[in-house]
C-alpha atoms as a PDB file:
ATOM      1  CA  MET A   1     -18.599   0.185  -6.555  1.00  0.00           C
ATOM      2  CA  LYS A   2     -17.222  -3.048  -5.159  1.00  0.00           C
ATOM      3  CA  ILE A   3     -16.513  -3.356  -1.452  1.00  0.00           C
ATOM      4  CA  LEU A   4     -13.265  -5.255  -0.970  1.00  0.00           C
ATOM      5  CA  THR A   5     -13.633  -8.035   1.559  1.00  0.00           C
ATOM      6  CA  ASN A   6     -10.893 -10.314   0.304  1.00  0.00           C
ATOM      7  CA  CYS A   7      -7.425  -9.724   1.779  1.00  0.00           C
ATOM      8  CA  LYS A   8      -5.789 -10.870  -1.452  1.00  0.00           C
ATOM      9  CA  GLU A   9      -7.652  -8.194  -3.437  1.00  0.00           C
ATOM     10  CA  VAL A  10      -6.783  -5.591  -0.825  1.00  0.00           C
ATOM     11  CA  SER A  11      -3.082  -6.485  -0.826  1.00  0.00           C
ATOM     12  CA  GLU A  12      -3.026  -6.208  -4.625  1.00  0.00           C
ATOM     13  CA  LEU A  13      -4.728  -2.817  -4.462  1.00  0.00           C
ATOM     14  CA  LEU A  14      -2.328  -1.595  -1.756  1.00  0.00           C
ATOM     15  CA  SER A  15       0.545  -2.593  -4.009  1.00  0.00           C
ATOM     16  CA  GLN A  16      -1.006  -0.850  -7.021  1.00  0.00           C
ATOM     17  CA  ALA A  17      -1.562   2.285  -4.930  1.00  0.00           C
ATOM     18  CA  GLN A  18       2.220   2.629  -4.657  1.00  0.00           C
ATOM     19  CA  ASP A  19       2.368   3.233  -8.423  1.00  0.00           C
ATOM     20  CA  ARG A  20      -0.912   4.861  -9.414  1.00  0.00           C
ATOM     21  CA  PRO A  21      -3.653   7.003  -7.927  1.00  0.00           C
ATOM     22  CA  LEU A  22      -6.694   5.047  -6.796  1.00  0.00           C
ATOM     23  CA  GLY A  23     -10.212   5.867  -7.883  1.00  0.00           C
ATOM     24  CA  LEU A  24     -12.816   7.037  -5.399  1.00  0.00           C
ATOM     25  CA  GLY A  25     -14.542   3.643  -5.270  1.00  0.00           C
ATOM     26  CA  GLU A  26     -11.229   1.857  -4.798  1.00  0.00           C
ATOM     27  CA  LYS A  27     -10.255   4.184  -1.948  1.00  0.00           C
ATOM     28  CA  PHE A  28     -13.616   3.714  -0.243  1.00  0.00           C
ATOM     29  CA  GLY A  29     -13.509  -0.083  -0.427  1.00  0.00           C
ATOM     30  CA  LEU A  30      -9.870  -0.152   0.634  1.00  0.00           C
ATOM     31  CA  ASN A  31     -10.383   2.119   3.636  1.00  0.00           C
ATOM     32  CA  LEU A  32     -13.463   0.191   4.725  1.00  0.00           C
ATOM     33  CA  HIS A  33     -11.512  -3.070   4.674  1.00  0.00           C
ATOM     34  CA  LEU A  34      -8.498  -1.528   6.423  1.00  0.00           C
ATOM     35  CA  MET A  35     -10.703  -0.354   9.293  1.00  0.00           C
ATOM     36  CA  MET A  36     -11.574  -3.987   9.985  1.00  0.00           C
ATOM     37  CA  CYS A  37      -8.403  -5.883   9.047  1.00  0.00           C
ATOM     38  CA  ASN A  38      -5.257  -5.503  11.111  1.00  0.00           C
ATOM     39  CA  GLY A  39      -3.250  -7.789   8.813  1.00  0.00           C
ATOM     40  CA  CYS A  40      -3.891  -5.642   5.757  1.00  0.00           C
ATOM     41  CA  ARG A  41      -3.159  -2.456   7.716  1.00  0.00           C
ATOM     42  CA  ASN A  42       0.207  -3.940   8.709  1.00  0.00           C
ATOM     43  CA  PHE A  43       0.907  -4.951   5.104  1.00  0.00           C
ATOM     44  CA  GLY A  44       0.187  -1.385   3.955  1.00  0.00           C
ATOM     45  CA  LYS A  45       2.570   0.006   6.572  1.00  0.00           C
ATOM     46  CA  GLN A  46       5.250  -2.451   5.463  1.00  0.00           C
ATOM     47  CA  LEU A  47       4.866  -1.352   1.838  1.00  0.00           C
ATOM     48  CA  ASP A  48       5.190   2.295   2.887  1.00  0.00           C
ATOM     49  CA  PHE A  49       8.298   1.503   4.945  1.00  0.00           C
ATOM     50  CA  ILE A  50       9.975  -0.412   2.104  1.00  0.00           C
ATOM     51  CA  ARG A  51       9.207   2.346  -0.401  1.00  0.00           C
ATOM     52  CA  ALA A  52      10.624   5.035   1.911  1.00  0.00           C
ATOM     53  CA  ALA A  53      13.733   2.949   2.667  1.00  0.00           C
ATOM     54  CA  MET A  54      14.409   2.396  -1.033  1.00  0.00           C
ATOM     55  CA  LYS A  55      13.934   6.099  -1.735  1.00  0.00           C
ATOM     56  CA  ARG A  56      16.470   7.000   0.967  1.00  0.00           C
ATOM     57  CA  TYR A  57      18.869   4.361  -0.352  1.00  0.00           C
ATOM     58  CA  LEU A  58      18.664   5.672  -3.904  1.00  0.00           C
ATOM     59  CA  GLU A  59      19.053   9.279  -2.780  1.00  0.00           C
ATOM     60  CA  ARG A  60      22.330   8.393  -1.054  1.00  0.00           C
ATOM     61  CA  GLY A  61      23.591   6.540  -4.076  1.00  0.00           C
ATOM     62  CA  VAL A  62      24.362   2.882  -4.441  1.00  0.00           C
ATOM     63  CA  SER A  63      27.861   3.218  -2.960  1.00  0.00           C
ATOM     64  CA  GLY A  64      26.455   4.509   0.355  1.00  0.00           C
ATOM     65  CA  ARG A  65      28.761   7.535   0.465  1.00  0.00           C
END
């Protein structure tokens, strides 16, 4: 199990987590890093916000009606 200490690795994993389930080791390393890194926590929240906004947009339809 690798502990993620590099913000670049963490941002890549946060992005991947939007599309696939993470393994136990990945989740552990990610959560450990997120406890210490405010920047990566903010990036994760931004990804969640963008994904939710796009989902709402697509549910309404492209025309917005």
